[in-house]
Amino acid sequence: MTASVINVVSFGYLHGAPPNAHLVLNLSEHFRDPHVSPALRYMDANGLPVRQAVLATPGISELICATSLLVDAYDVGPIDAPLTIAVGCAGGRHRAATVAMALADRLGKTGIPVHLEHRDLTKPVVERDGDGTVRPGDQLFIDYMVAFEASVLHTSGCPACGDDQPCEEGEAVWTRFVGLQDRWSSTQNRR
């Protein structure tokens, strides 16, 4: 092994330039943004609903796996040196922080010391979706919020869902929530 330590840094492009790194993953355009969900917007990757939303996004698990393979390539190089991976999204609170956590967890199993840093996780949410008004009588929004609450309640009380792997009932609750989130988000994008 030649990587003496692996530094994984999450950040938000809206808060500044990426940190210096050997590898930079830009999640800002290719993966669903939890920020568009009012229920998730003010949460961050420390919350299970955010992590579930990000990790359930198509392509994310493949990206984490591919990045760990890139780290393997650096690890067999002839120079013993630290390796830095920067993971960025728009605000640094949802996608980047979740992927950085998952990547650090995976890389930590290699035996190489891993240092995880969240540059922008605690910074204020960057408002960026127009007026963001919601009509109280919007039944789709009400259904979406009810599904969100059901998902949070189920996962917080279900021991089987505690490791980000939902049980059968949890999977159904989560699937309904994500479907309603996507439907409601698409109506907001058209406004």
Protein backbone atom coordinates (compact mmCIF):
# COMPACT_ATOMS: atom_id res chain seq x y z
CA MET A 1 0.00 0.00 0.00
CA THR A 2 1.34 3.40 -0.92
CA ALA A 3 -1.47 5.78 0.03
CA SER A 4 -0.51 6.88 3.54
CA VAL A 5 -3.92 8.45 4.21
CA ILE A 6 -7.06 9.09 2.18
CA ASN A 7 -8.73 12.47 2.64
CA VAL A 8 -12.37 12.65 1.53
CA VAL A 9 -13.75 16.21 1.40
CA SER A 10 -17.35 17.14 0.58
CA PHE A 11 -18.12 20.65 -0.65
CA GLY A 12 -20.67 22.82 -2.45
CA TYR A 13 -19.82 24.65 -5.67
CA LEU A 14 -22.16 27.48 -4.64
CA HIS A 15 -19.90 28.11 -1.63
CA GLY A 16 -16.63 28.31 -3.54
CA ALA A 17 -14.14 26.52 -5.73
CA PRO A 18 -13.40 22.83 -5.19
CA PRO A 19 -10.60 22.05 -2.76
CA ASN A 20 -7.30 20.83 -4.21
CA ALA A 21 -7.66 17.10 -4.83
CA HIS A 22 -6.35 14.21 -6.89
CA LEU A 23 -9.93 13.25 -7.81
CA VAL A 24 -12.95 15.57 -7.97
CA LEU A 25 -16.46 14.12 -8.28
CA ASN A 26 -19.03 16.65 -9.51
CA LEU A 27 -22.52 15.46 -8.55
CA SER A 28 -24.20 18.81 -9.25
CA GLU A 29 -25.71 18.06 -12.66
CA HIS A 30 -26.05 14.31 -13.11
CA PHE A 31 -27.90 13.19 -9.99
CA ARG A 32 -31.26 14.12 -8.45
CA ASP A 33 -30.93 17.01 -5.99
CA PRO A 34 -32.75 16.58 -2.64
CA HIS A 35 -32.76 20.39 -2.40
CA VAL A 36 -35.78 20.47 -4.74
CA SER A 37 -37.78 18.66 -2.05
CA PRO A 38 -39.12 21.10 0.55
CA ALA A 39 -39.15 18.26 3.05
CA LEU A 40 -35.42 17.63 2.57
CA ARG A 41 -34.16 21.10 1.63
CA TYR A 42 -33.29 22.24 5.16
CA MET A 43 -32.04 18.85 6.27
CA ASP A 44 -28.52 17.65 5.56
CA ALA A 45 -26.66 14.36 5.16
CA ASN A 46 -26.74 13.77 8.91
CA GLY A 47 -30.44 12.93 8.47
CA LEU A 48 -31.40 9.43 7.39
CA PRO A 49 -34.07 10.65 4.90
CA VAL A 50 -31.42 12.65 3.00
CA ARG A 51 -28.97 9.75 2.94
CA GLN A 52 -31.70 7.37 1.78
CA ALA A 53 -32.77 9.75 -0.99
CA VAL A 54 -29.22 10.20 -2.25
CA LEU A 55 -28.16 6.57 -1.97
CA ALA A 56 -31.35 5.45 -3.76
CA THR A 57 -30.53 7.70 -6.73
CA PRO A 58 -29.67 5.66 -9.82
CA GLY A 59 -25.93 5.70 -10.49
CA ILE A 60 -24.77 6.72 -7.02
CA SER A 61 -23.76 3.25 -5.80
CA GLU A 62 -21.94 2.64 -9.10
CA LEU A 63 -20.10 5.95 -8.70
CA ILE A 64 -18.99 5.03 -5.17
CA CYS A 65 -17.77 1.63 -6.40
CA ALA A 66 -15.94 3.13 -9.40
CA THR A 67 -14.27 5.75 -7.20
CA SER A 68 -13.02 3.08 -4.82
CA LEU A 69 -11.49 1.29 -7.83
CA LEU A 70 -9.71 4.52 -8.80
CA VAL A 71 -8.33 4.71 -5.27
CA ASP A 72 -7.00 1.16 -5.71
CA ALA A 73 -5.06 2.37 -8.77
CA TYR A 74 -3.49 5.21 -6.77
CA ASP A 75 -2.76 2.80 -3.95
CA VAL A 76 -0.54 0.53 -6.07
CA GLY A 77 1.57 3.46 -7.27
CA PRO A 78 5.22 3.63 -6.20
CA ILE A 79 5.01 6.80 -4.05
CA ASP A 80 3.78 6.75 -0.44
CA ALA A 81 1.64 9.89 -0.23
CA PRO A 82 -1.76 11.14 0.92
CA LEU A 83 -4.62 10.92 -1.56
CA THR A 84 -7.42 13.52 -1.58
CA ILE A 85 -10.87 12.98 -3.09
CA ALA A 86 -13.24 15.95 -3.29
CA VAL A 87 -16.96 15.29 -3.72
CA GLY A 88 -19.04 18.29 -4.76
CA CYS A 89 -22.65 19.20 -5.44
CA ALA A 90 -24.48 22.52 -5.55
CA GLY A 91 -24.67 23.33 -1.83
CA GLY A 92 -22.61 20.56 -0.23
CA ARG A 93 -25.34 19.56 2.23
CA HIS A 94 -27.02 16.57 0.55
CA ARG A 95 -25.45 14.66 -2.34
CA ALA A 96 -21.77 15.49 -1.79
CA ALA A 97 -21.86 14.92 1.97
CA THR A 98 -23.77 11.63 1.64
CA VAL A 99 -21.50 10.25 -1.07
CA ALA A 100 -18.41 11.38 0.86
CA MET A 101 -19.70 9.56 3.96
CA ALA A 102 -20.41 6.37 2.01
CA LEU A 103 -17.07 6.54 0.19
CA ALA A 104 -15.13 7.15 3.42
CA ASP A 105 -16.93 4.22 5.05
CA ARG A 106 -16.10 1.93 2.12
CA LEU A 107 -12.48 3.07 1.88
CA GLY A 108 -12.04 2.77 5.64
CA LYS A 109 -12.40 -0.99 5.25
CA THR A 110 -9.17 -1.14 3.20
CA GLY A 111 -6.95 -0.58 6.22
CA ILE A 112 -5.70 2.80 4.99
CA PRO A 113 -6.53 5.65 7.40
CA VAL A 114 -9.40 7.79 6.08
CA HIS A 115 -10.08 11.37 7.12
CA LEU A 116 -13.56 12.75 6.28
CA GLU A 117 -14.19 16.49 6.12
CA HIS A 118 -17.40 18.34 5.23
CA ARG A 119 -16.39 21.84 4.12
CA ASP A 120 -19.90 23.22 3.56
CA LEU A 121 -22.29 20.87 5.37
CA THR A 122 -23.13 23.37 8.11
CA LYS A 123 -23.38 26.43 5.87
CA PRO A 124 -26.81 27.95 5.25
CA VAL A 125 -29.01 26.57 2.50
CA VAL A 126 -28.56 28.47 -0.75
CA GLU A 127 -32.05 29.45 -1.91
CA ARG A 128 -32.18 28.97 -5.65
CA ASP A 129 -35.55 27.79 -6.91
CA GLY A 130 -37.50 31.02 -7.44
CA ASP A 131 -40.29 31.98 -5.07
CA GLY A 132 -40.85 28.41 -3.89
CA THR A 133 -44.49 29.10 -3.02
CA VAL A 134 -46.71 26.12 -2.31
CA ARG A 135 -50.49 26.28 -2.47
CA PRO A 136 -51.90 24.83 0.78
CA GLY A 137 -54.67 23.06 -1.14
CA ASP A 138 -52.29 21.23 -3.48
CA GLN A 139 -53.31 17.58 -2.88
CA LEU A 140 -50.14 16.23 -4.50
CA PHE A 141 -48.03 18.25 -2.06
CA ILE A 142 -50.13 17.07 0.89
CA ASP A 143 -49.77 13.42 -0.23
CA TYR A 144 -46.05 13.95 -0.66
CA MET A 145 -45.66 15.39 2.87
CA VAL A 146 -47.72 12.56 4.38
CA ALA A 147 -45.49 10.03 2.56
CA PHE A 148 -42.38 11.81 3.82
CA GLU A 149 -43.61 11.68 7.42
CA ALA A 150 -44.53 8.00 7.03
CA SER A 151 -41.05 7.26 5.71
CA VAL A 152 -39.33 9.10 8.57
CA LEU A 153 -41.57 7.48 11.18
CA HIS A 154 -41.06 4.00 9.78
CA THR A 155 -37.28 4.20 9.43
CA SER A 156 -36.79 5.79 12.84
CA GLY A 157 -38.78 3.02 14.54
CA CYS A 158 -37.68 0.01 12.51
CA PRO A 159 -34.50 -1.78 13.63
CA ALA A 160 -34.19 -3.50 10.24
CA CYS A 161 -34.09 -0.14 8.45
CA GLY A 162 -31.37 1.29 10.68
CA ASP A 163 -28.46 0.41 8.38
CA ASP A 164 -29.82 2.22 5.30
CA GLN A 165 -31.19 -1.11 4.03
CA PRO A 166 -34.98 -0.91 4.34
CA CYS A 167 -37.11 -3.89 5.30
CA GLU A 168 -39.88 -4.98 2.92
CA GLU A 169 -42.44 -2.63 4.49
CA GLY A 170 -39.88 0.18 4.61
CA GLU A 171 -39.07 -0.30 0.93
CA ALA A 172 -42.75 0.16 0.02
CA VAL A 173 -43.03 3.29 2.19
CA TRP A 174 -39.81 4.68 0.72
CA THR A 175 -40.83 3.91 -2.88
CA ARG A 176 -44.11 5.78 -2.40
CA PHE A 177 -42.29 8.77 -0.90
CA VAL A 178 -39.70 8.96 -3.72
CA GLY A 179 -42.41 8.63 -6.38
CA LEU A 180 -44.45 11.46 -4.88
CA GLN A 181 -41.30 13.54 -4.38
CA ASP A 182 -40.42 13.17 -8.06
CA ARG A 183 -43.98 13.99 -9.18
CA TRP A 184 -44.19 17.07 -6.97
CA SER A 185 -40.69 18.23 -7.96
CA SER A 186 -41.60 18.01 -11.63
CA THR A 187 -44.60 20.29 -11.04
CA GLN A 188 -42.29 22.82 -9.35
CA ASN A 189 -39.83 22.69 -12.23
CA ARG A 190 -42.62 23.61 -14.66
CA ARG A 191 -43.62 26.70 -12.64
